[in-house]
Amino acid sequence: MSGGQQKATIAVHVRGPDGMCSGCRAWWALLTPYPCWQVDRATSRQARAITVRFLAGVR
């Protein structure tokens, strides 16, 4: 890589609030299955909590 190519790459990789550029985020999105296990677990727990509250109101 020449100095010009390095500067161009760095100019394109503008970091967002999470420290990743949009290109890096797109690559990570390809590597991470969706929904990821954290989201799957969180939605499952949320559904359980809603069900428990509903059933507590029915009794």
C-alpha atoms as a PDB file:
ATOM      1  CA  MET A   1       0.000   0.000   0.000  1.00  0.00           C
ATOM      2  CA  SER A   2       1.322   3.409  -0.881  1.00  0.00           C
ATOM      3  CA  GLY A   3       1.058   6.500   1.294  1.00  0.00           C
ATOM      4  CA  GLY A   4      -1.810   7.807  -0.834  1.00  0.00           C
ATOM      5  CA  GLN A   5      -3.781   4.596  -0.468  1.00  0.00           C
ATOM      6  CA  GLN A   6      -3.255   4.615   3.292  1.00  0.00           C
ATOM      7  CA  LYS A   7      -4.480   8.187   3.577  1.00  0.00           C
ATOM      8  CA  ALA A   8      -7.535   7.380   1.425  1.00  0.00           C
ATOM      9  CA  THR A   9      -8.381   4.356   3.578  1.00  0.00           C
ATOM     10  CA  ILE A  10      -8.051   6.351   6.787  1.00  0.00           C
ATOM     11  CA  ALA A  11     -10.157   9.182   5.334  1.00  0.00           C
ATOM     12  CA  VAL A  12     -12.985   6.772   4.477  1.00  0.00           C
ATOM     13  CA  HIS A  13     -12.907   5.000   7.851  1.00  0.00           C
ATOM     14  CA  VAL A  14     -14.518   7.756   9.894  1.00  0.00           C
ATOM     15  CA  ARG A  15     -15.329   6.336  13.297  1.00  0.00           C
ATOM     16  CA  GLY A  16     -18.852   6.507  14.611  1.00  0.00           C
ATOM     17  CA  PRO A  17     -19.903   6.735  18.262  1.00  0.00           C
ATOM     18  CA  ASP A  18     -19.155   3.034  18.745  1.00  0.00           C
ATOM     19  CA  GLY A  19     -15.648   3.364  17.290  1.00  0.00           C
ATOM     20  CA  MET A  20     -16.420   1.519  14.072  1.00  0.00           C
ATOM     21  CA  CYS A  21     -16.873   2.917  10.580  1.00  0.00           C
ATOM     22  CA  SER A  22     -19.863   1.901   8.484  1.00  0.00           C
ATOM     23  CA  GLY A  23     -17.740  -0.470   6.376  1.00  0.00           C
ATOM     24  CA  CYS A  24     -16.393  -2.294   9.444  1.00  0.00           C
ATOM     25  CA  ARG A  25     -19.897  -2.449  10.909  1.00  0.00           C
ATOM     26  CA  ALA A  26     -21.153  -4.016   7.660  1.00  0.00           C
ATOM     27  CA  TRP A  27     -18.428  -6.694   7.827  1.00  0.00           C
ATOM     28  CA  TRP A  28     -19.267  -7.466  11.466  1.00  0.00           C
ATOM     29  CA  ALA A  29     -22.934  -7.718  10.508  1.00  0.00           C
ATOM     30  CA  LEU A  30     -22.022 -10.491   8.074  1.00  0.00           C
ATOM     31  CA  LEU A  31     -20.157 -12.386  10.808  1.00  0.00           C
ATOM     32  CA  THR A  32     -22.776 -12.022  13.529  1.00  0.00           C
ATOM     33  CA  PRO A  33     -25.960 -14.057  13.204  1.00  0.00           C
ATOM     34  CA  TYR A  34     -29.189 -12.159  13.736  1.00  0.00           C
ATOM     35  CA  PRO A  35     -30.839 -12.251  16.088  1.00  0.00           C
ATOM     36  CA  CYS A  36     -27.747 -12.641  18.173  1.00  0.00           C
ATOM     37  CA  TRP A  37     -27.997 -14.687  21.358  1.00  0.00           C
ATOM     38  CA  GLN A  38     -28.154 -11.559  23.537  1.00  0.00           C
ATOM     39  CA  VAL A  39     -31.196 -10.234  21.676  1.00  0.00           C
ATOM     40  CA  ASP A  40     -32.779 -13.676  21.629  1.00  0.00           C
ATOM     41  CA  ARG A  41     -32.287 -14.052  25.403  1.00  0.00           C
ATOM     42  CA  ALA A  42     -33.512 -10.512  26.159  1.00  0.00           C
ATOM     43  CA  THR A  43     -36.705 -10.894  24.124  1.00  0.00           C
ATOM     44  CA  SER A  44     -37.355 -14.280  25.715  1.00  0.00           C
ATOM     45  CA  ARG A  45     -37.020 -12.836  29.227  1.00  0.00           C
ATOM     46  CA  GLN A  46     -39.172  -9.863  28.284  1.00  0.00           C
ATOM     47  CA  ALA A  47     -41.887 -12.187  26.976  1.00  0.00           C
ATOM     48  CA  ARG A  48     -41.749 -14.239  30.185  1.00  0.00           C
ATOM     49  CA  ALA A  49     -42.075 -11.120  32.332  1.00  0.00           C
ATOM     50  CA  ILE A  50     -45.079  -9.907  30.345  1.00  0.00           C
ATOM     51  CA  THR A  51     -46.730 -13.329  30.638  1.00  0.00           C
ATOM     52  CA  VAL A  52     -46.146 -13.472  34.402  1.00  0.00           C
ATOM     53  CA  ARG A  53     -47.654  -9.990  34.846  1.00  0.00           C
ATOM     54  CA  PHE A  54     -50.644 -10.937  32.703  1.00  0.00           C
ATOM     55  CA  LEU A  55     -51.249 -14.196  34.561  1.00  0.00           C
ATOM     56  CA  ALA A  56     -50.896 -12.465  37.927  1.00  0.00           C
ATOM     57  CA  GLY A  57     -53.656 -10.043  36.898  1.00  0.00           C
ATOM     58  CA  VAL A  58     -55.959 -12.866  35.770  1.00  0.00           C
ATOM     59  CA  ARG A  59     -55.836 -14.783  39.059  1.00  0.00           C
END
